[in-house]
Protein backbone atom coordinates (compact mmCIF):
# COMPACT_ATOMS: atom_id res chain seq x y z
CA MET A 1 -6.24 -18.29 2.70
CA SER A 2 -7.36 -20.95 5.61
CA GLY A 3 -7.94 -22.05 8.45
CA ALA A 4 -10.31 -20.47 10.61
CA MET A 5 -11.32 -16.25 10.75
CA ASP A 6 -11.97 -14.20 14.04
CA PHE A 7 -13.54 -10.65 13.48
CA LEU A 8 -10.70 -8.78 12.99
CA GLN A 9 -9.77 -10.63 9.99
CA LEU A 10 -12.69 -10.50 8.86
CA SER A 11 -12.68 -6.32 9.43
CA ARG A 12 -9.67 -6.25 8.36
CA PHE A 13 -10.79 -8.19 5.39
CA LEU A 14 -13.63 -5.86 4.81
CA ASN A 15 -11.96 -2.23 5.14
CA GLN A 16 -9.05 -3.51 2.55
CA ARG A 17 -12.17 -4.32 0.08
CA VAL A 18 -11.16 -7.87 -0.35
CA PRO A 19 -13.96 -9.72 -2.96
CA ILE A 20 -16.18 -11.52 -0.86
CA ILE A 21 -16.46 -14.64 -2.38
CA TYR A 22 -12.58 -15.50 -1.33
CA TYR A 23 -14.18 -14.69 2.76
CA LYS A 24 -17.60 -16.40 2.17
CA GLN A 25 -17.42 -19.51 3.40
CA TYR A 26 -16.72 -18.12 6.37
CA LEU A 27 -19.60 -16.00 7.19
CA SER A 28 -21.19 -19.36 9.25
CA LEU A 29 -18.38 -18.57 11.38
CA PHE A 30 -20.11 -14.88 12.51
CA VAL A 31 -23.88 -16.49 13.51
CA SER A 32 -24.22 -14.74 16.68
CA ASP A 33 -26.36 -11.65 17.82
CA GLU A 34 -23.31 -10.47 19.05
CA LEU A 35 -21.10 -10.80 16.59
CA GLN A 36 -24.06 -10.01 13.56
CA GLN A 37 -24.34 -6.57 15.12
CA ARG A 38 -20.25 -5.72 15.86
CA ILE A 39 -20.43 -6.25 11.73
CA CYS A 40 -23.66 -4.29 11.61
CA THR A 41 -21.72 -1.46 13.00
CA LEU A 42 -18.53 -2.39 10.90
CA ILE A 43 -20.48 -2.51 7.43
CA ASN A 44 -22.52 1.20 8.38
CA ASP A 45 -18.94 2.97 9.43
CA ILE A 46 -17.51 1.20 5.16
CA SER A 47 -20.86 2.23 3.63
CA ILE A 48 -20.60 6.15 3.91
CA TYR A 49 -17.37 5.40 1.06
CA ASN A 50 -18.79 2.14 -0.69
CA ARG A 51 -22.62 1.60 -0.30
CA TYR A 52 -22.20 -1.03 -3.76
CA TYR A 53 -19.36 -3.52 -1.82
CA CYS A 54 -21.54 -3.09 1.49
CA LYS A 55 -24.59 -4.68 -0.79
CA LEU A 56 -22.67 -7.68 -2.06
CA PHE A 57 -21.21 -8.08 1.73
CA LEU A 58 -24.94 -7.94 3.39
CA LYS A 59 -26.45 -9.67 0.37
CA GLN A 60 -24.38 -12.75 0.74
CA TYR A 61 -23.77 -12.54 4.93
CA ILE A 62 -27.62 -12.72 5.27
CA MET A 63 -28.02 -15.49 2.44
CA VAL A 64 -25.88 -18.12 4.90
CA LEU A 65 -27.59 -16.62 8.00
CA GLU A 66 -30.96 -17.25 6.07
CA SER A 67 -29.58 -20.83 4.82
CA ASP A 68 -28.38 -22.24 8.41
CA ASN A 69 -31.63 -20.84 9.85
CA GLN A 70 -30.24 -18.73 11.75
CA GLU A 71 -32.32 -15.44 13.15
CA VAL A 72 -31.05 -12.00 11.03
CA ASN A 73 -30.36 -9.28 13.25
CA GLU A 74 -32.89 -7.51 12.32
CA GLU A 75 -30.44 -3.76 11.98
CA LEU A 76 -28.77 -5.48 9.86
CA TYR A 77 -31.56 -6.32 7.87
CA GLN A 78 -32.99 -2.86 7.86
CA LEU A 79 -29.65 -1.45 6.72
CA TYR A 80 -29.48 -4.19 3.36
CA CYS A 81 -32.19 -2.84 3.07
CA LEU A 82 -31.75 1.28 2.60
CA ASP A 83 -32.38 2.82 -0.48
CA SER A 84 -29.02 4.18 -0.13
CA ILE A 85 -27.90 0.72 0.02
CA LEU A 86 -30.11 -1.48 -1.95
CA ASN A 87 -29.84 0.65 -4.99
CA SER A 88 -25.75 1.39 -5.10
CA VAL A 89 -24.03 0.98 -7.64
CA GLU A 90 -20.23 -0.17 -8.24
CA LEU A 91 -18.25 2.75 -7.72
CA SER A 92 -16.98 5.03 -11.31
CA ILE A 93 -13.42 5.73 -12.59
CA ASN A 94 -14.92 9.47 -10.64
CA ASP A 95 -15.44 7.81 -6.94
CA PHE A 96 -12.89 6.94 -4.68
CA ASP A 97 -12.50 4.23 -1.73
CA ILE A 98 -11.25 5.25 1.43
CA LEU A 99 -9.25 1.64 2.63
CA SER A 100 -7.97 0.69 5.71
CA TYR A 101 -4.35 -0.49 5.78
CA SER A 102 -2.98 -3.15 9.75
CA PHE A 103 0.55 -3.11 10.38
CA LYS A 104 2.38 -4.50 14.12
CA CYS A 105 4.46 -1.96 15.07
CA ASN A 106 6.76 -1.90 18.91
CA ASP A 107 3.91 -4.21 19.93
CA THR A 108 0.76 -2.32 19.00
CA LEU A 109 -1.25 -2.17 15.45
CA LEU A 110 -0.91 0.40 13.58
CA SER A 111 -3.77 1.65 10.97
CA VAL A 112 -2.99 3.29 7.93
CA LYS A 113 -6.37 4.59 5.79
CA ILE A 114 -5.38 5.41 2.19
CA GLN A 115 -7.81 7.26 -0.69
CA GLU A 116 -7.43 5.88 -3.75
CA ASN A 117 -9.06 4.01 -6.50
CA PRO A 118 -7.82 0.94 -8.57
CA LYS A 119 -10.72 2.20 -11.74
CA VAL A 120 -8.31 5.22 -12.87
CA ILE A 121 -5.57 2.39 -14.29
CA SER A 122 -7.55 1.99 -16.69
CA GLY A 123 -9.13 5.25 -17.93
CA HIS A 124 -5.92 7.83 -16.96
CA ASN A 125 -3.10 5.83 -17.57
CA THR A 126 -2.63 6.44 -13.64
CA THR A 127 -0.89 3.81 -11.89
CA GLY A 128 -0.06 5.77 -8.72
CA LEU A 129 -4.05 5.80 -7.08
CA ARG A 130 -3.86 2.17 -5.88
CA THR A 131 -1.79 0.45 -3.29
CA TRP A 132 0.12 -1.89 -4.74
CA GLU A 133 1.65 -4.96 -3.12
CA ALA A 134 5.33 -4.21 -2.87
CA ALA A 135 3.66 -1.12 -0.48
CA VAL A 136 2.20 -3.24 1.62
CA TYR A 137 5.56 -5.62 1.60
CA LEU A 138 7.58 -3.11 2.42
CA SER A 139 5.86 -0.97 4.75
CA ASN A 140 5.36 -4.13 7.04
CA TYR A 141 9.15 -5.23 6.71
CA LEU A 142 10.27 -1.62 7.78
CA LEU A 143 8.22 -1.57 10.70
CA GLN A 144 8.84 -4.46 11.65
CA ASN A 145 12.28 -3.96 11.15
CA GLU A 146 12.07 -0.67 12.78
CA HIS A 147 15.79 0.03 13.75
CA LEU A 148 16.84 0.32 9.80
CA VAL A 149 15.43 3.80 9.63
CA GLN A 150 15.27 4.66 13.42
CA ASN A 151 15.50 7.96 14.06
CA SER A 152 16.52 8.83 10.77
CA SER A 153 15.54 11.29 7.29
CA VAL A 154 13.64 8.85 4.79
CA LEU A 155 12.62 9.98 1.50
CA GLU A 156 9.98 8.27 -0.57
CA LEU A 157 11.05 7.90 -4.32
CA GLY A 158 7.30 7.24 -6.69
CA ALA A 159 5.36 7.47 -3.81
CA GLY A 160 1.62 7.03 -5.48
CA THR A 161 -0.83 6.93 -2.70
CA GLY A 162 2.05 7.51 0.16
CA LEU A 163 1.54 4.40 2.32
CA VAL A 164 5.21 3.60 2.98
CA SER A 165 5.63 7.32 3.66
CA ILE A 166 2.28 7.65 5.72
CA SER A 167 2.69 4.32 7.31
CA LEU A 168 5.86 5.10 9.06
CA LEU A 169 5.25 9.18 9.71
CA LYS A 170 1.90 6.94 11.89
CA SER A 171 4.75 4.70 13.63
CA LYS A 172 7.13 7.89 14.66
CA VAL A 173 10.24 5.78 13.79
CA PRO A 174 11.85 7.80 11.38
CA SER A 175 12.58 11.82 12.25
CA SER A 176 11.42 12.85 9.57
CA VAL A 177 9.90 11.45 6.19
CA THR A 178 9.33 13.32 2.41
CA ILE A 179 7.06 12.70 0.07
CA THR A 180 7.78 12.79 -4.11
CA ASP A 181 6.46 11.18 -6.80
CA GLY A 182 6.99 12.60 -10.67
CA SER A 183 2.87 13.11 -11.84
CA PRO A 184 1.39 16.47 -9.74
CA ASN A 185 -1.68 14.72 -10.04
CA LEU A 186 -1.60 12.86 -6.91
CA PHE A 187 -0.41 15.33 -4.33
CA ASP A 188 -4.46 16.06 -4.51
CA ASN A 189 -5.15 12.33 -3.58
CA LEU A 190 -1.90 12.61 -1.40
CA ASN A 191 -3.46 15.59 0.95
CA ALA A 192 -6.40 13.97 1.79
CA SER A 193 -5.05 10.75 2.85
CA LEU A 194 -2.88 12.56 4.92
CA ASN A 195 -5.80 13.99 6.68
CA LEU A 196 -7.21 11.28 7.37
CA ASN A 197 -4.94 9.76 9.25
CA ASN A 198 -4.47 13.21 11.15
CA LEU A 199 -0.59 13.73 9.62
CA ALA A 200 -1.78 17.24 7.33
CA GLY A 201 0.57 20.01 8.04
CA ASN A 202 2.94 17.89 10.73
CA ASP A 203 5.95 19.25 10.94
CA ASN A 204 8.03 15.47 10.05
CA LEU A 205 6.64 15.72 6.37
CA LYS A 206 7.36 17.25 3.55
CA CYS A 207 6.04 16.95 0.92
CA HIS A 208 7.67 17.77 -2.92
CA GLN A 209 7.22 16.68 -6.98
CA TYR A 210 10.26 14.94 -8.74
CA LEU A 211 11.54 13.80 -11.54
CA TRP A 212 13.78 10.87 -11.80
CA GLY A 213 17.36 11.91 -13.02
CA HIS A 214 16.46 15.35 -13.34
CA GLN A 215 18.86 17.60 -11.91
CA GLU A 216 17.63 21.05 -13.51
CA THR A 217 14.78 21.45 -10.37
CA GLU A 218 14.09 24.37 -8.41
CA TRP A 219 13.64 21.81 -5.25
CA ALA A 220 17.05 21.73 -4.02
CA LEU A 221 18.16 17.97 -3.46
CA PRO A 222 17.63 16.76 0.61
CA GLN A 223 20.61 15.27 2.36
CA VAL A 224 18.18 12.20 3.45
CA ASP A 225 19.94 9.05 5.27
CA TYR A 226 17.85 6.24 3.28
CA LEU A 227 15.57 6.37 0.22
CA VAL A 228 12.69 3.59 0.31
CA GLY A 229 10.38 2.75 -2.88
CA ALA A 230 7.98 0.64 -4.28
CA ASP A 231 7.26 -1.67 -7.18
CA ILE A 232 9.13 1.44 -8.47
CA THR A 233 10.92 -0.55 -11.23
CA TYR A 234 8.27 -2.67 -13.30
CA ASP A 235 9.32 -1.14 -16.62
CA SER A 236 12.67 -1.32 -18.11
CA SER A 237 12.95 2.05 -19.40
CA ILE A 238 12.94 3.89 -16.56
CA LEU A 239 15.73 2.54 -14.64
CA GLU A 240 18.59 4.41 -16.15
CA ASP A 241 16.80 7.66 -14.79
CA LEU A 242 15.67 5.61 -11.65
CA LEU A 243 20.07 4.77 -10.75
CA THR A 244 20.87 8.38 -11.46
CA THR A 245 18.60 9.82 -8.60
CA ILE A 246 20.03 6.83 -5.97
CA LEU A 247 23.62 8.35 -7.58
CA ASP A 248 22.79 11.41 -6.93
CA PHE A 249 21.36 10.86 -3.30
CA PHE A 250 24.15 9.30 -2.60
CA ARG A 251 26.48 11.88 -3.67
CA HIS A 252 24.30 14.02 -0.78
CA GLY A 253 25.05 11.61 2.11
CA THR A 254 22.33 8.92 1.90
CA LYS A 255 23.12 5.86 3.75
CA ALA A 256 20.91 3.30 1.69
CA ALA A 257 18.15 2.85 -0.03
CA PHE A 258 15.05 -0.17 0.44
CA ILE A 259 13.60 -0.62 -2.55
CA ALA A 260 10.57 -3.79 -3.24
CA ALA A 261 9.70 -4.80 -6.61
CA THR A 262 7.01 -7.26 -7.50
CA VAL A 263 8.44 -9.75 -10.03
CA ARG A 264 6.09 -9.35 -13.40
CA ASN A 265 8.51 -9.47 -15.68
CA GLU A 266 11.83 -11.78 -15.07
CA SER A 267 13.60 -10.21 -18.29
CA THR A 268 13.20 -6.48 -16.39
CA VAL A 269 14.02 -7.60 -12.69
CA ILE A 270 17.28 -9.40 -15.14
CA ASP A 271 17.77 -5.55 -16.39
CA TRP A 272 16.77 -3.75 -13.09
CA GLU A 273 20.09 -6.03 -10.87
CA ASN A 274 22.36 -5.33 -14.21
CA VAL A 275 22.34 -1.93 -13.77
CA LEU A 276 22.32 -2.27 -9.96
CA THR A 277 25.47 -4.78 -9.85
CA LYS A 278 27.20 -2.26 -12.53
CA SER A 279 27.17 1.33 -9.96
CA PHE A 280 26.50 -0.01 -6.71
CA HIS A 281 26.62 -2.74 -3.57
CA TRP A 282 23.47 -4.52 -3.05
CA LYS A 283 21.89 -7.71 -2.18
CA VAL A 284 18.00 -8.62 -1.42
CA ILE A 285 16.92 -8.66 2.03
CA ASP A 286 14.22 -9.98 2.14
CA GLU A 287 11.53 -11.71 -0.54
CA CYS A 288 8.50 -13.98 -0.87
CA ALA A 289 8.05 -17.04 -3.58
CA MET A 290 3.94 -17.38 -3.09
CA PRO A 291 2.88 -13.33 -0.67
CA GLU A 292 -0.41 -15.23 -0.88
CA LEU A 293 0.59 -17.97 2.08
CA LEU A 294 1.86 -15.42 4.47
CA ASN A 295 0.10 -15.18 7.37
CA THR A 296 -0.02 -10.84 7.78
CA ASN A 297 -1.95 -8.36 8.38
CA TYR A 298 -3.12 -7.91 4.55
CA TRP A 299 -4.23 -9.96 1.58
CA TYR A 300 -2.45 -11.03 -1.38
CA LYS A 301 -5.02 -11.99 -4.05
CA PRO A 302 -3.83 -15.51 -5.08
CA GLY A 303 -1.58 -15.31 -8.33
CA THR A 304 0.61 -12.14 -6.63
CA PRO A 305 4.00 -12.69 -7.95
CA GLU A 306 7.10 -13.16 -6.11
CA ILE A 307 8.23 -10.01 -3.65
CA LYS A 308 11.19 -8.27 -3.69
CA ILE A 309 12.94 -5.89 -1.15
CA TYR A 310 17.00 -4.95 -2.10
CA LYS A 311 19.28 -2.93 0.31
CA ILE A 312 21.41 -0.96 -2.15
CA SER A 313 24.55 0.39 -0.54
CA ASN A 314 28.37 1.46 -0.97
CA GLN A 315 28.24 3.27 -4.22
CA VAL A 316 31.01 1.71 -7.07
CA THR A 317 31.53 4.63 -9.73
CA THR A 318 30.32 7.98 -9.65
CA ASN A 319 29.22 7.91 -13.37
CA PRO A 320 25.64 6.98 -14.02
CA ILE A 321 25.20 3.55 -16.28
CA GLY A 322 22.18 2.96 -17.56
CA LEU A 323 21.10 -0.48 -19.63
CA GLU A 324 23.19 -1.83 -22.28
CA GLN A 325 22.08 -0.27 -25.35
């Protein structure tokens, strides 16, 4: 993060729960009574979901104001002193937060709210209750290049929190969106996020549990124009089933797949690209070596690995080929 920060950027970071240490140096820019009042309103809204984060922010903000000999807005100080905030504790493994993500589409700013809980990852070995970097990256890319899925049917594999699908559905760029994931436990959380974005019951939305590589399912494989997926290539052991799934969809008329991958393990990326080469024509259509340097509406943690977006098309063989033994 470099340069100045305006209120809009600060509000985005607060809504994404960026650790306060990463922008506390900019708090001295927000000293006027008007800005303090606006921040107070914003923090009051966030306190509905995460009072502990609000406590940490207000403590730091008030310290900065006082160290600069600035008068602290009375309403701001009263908010900090509320028992519900002052005595708040960090969210537990059973608590959910509501984060907001912003994307540009058709020269307008699109806000997407997602219910998530990163703590569940360590507690229940589940990765689908937090939004991963590649999902934000792919959402931003597809909305910036809307012609790729304009007026088409889109299905997301391994949707997790559903950010990619929800952002596409809310943008109204594709004609329909189908959200799938292998874990039935994620759909309650997904339904909550759909409600937050006023999308529950949307006629252009379908949700299904779908296990990769399993054709013996009560759910008939739909014909969709495009597949999308983010951070679903993280483990070499799942790539064969993923490949089989993509092949199945291509046989049902799917034109292409857009898969975003965070390069956390070079050997897994090599396995993924080898698998693709055996069955598809593919190319990397977008990549960023250092996401933290991107000037976007989303904050990437320093040290976030490279992110790539693959376009997969033109099936080469009709036989699923997995990793070589």
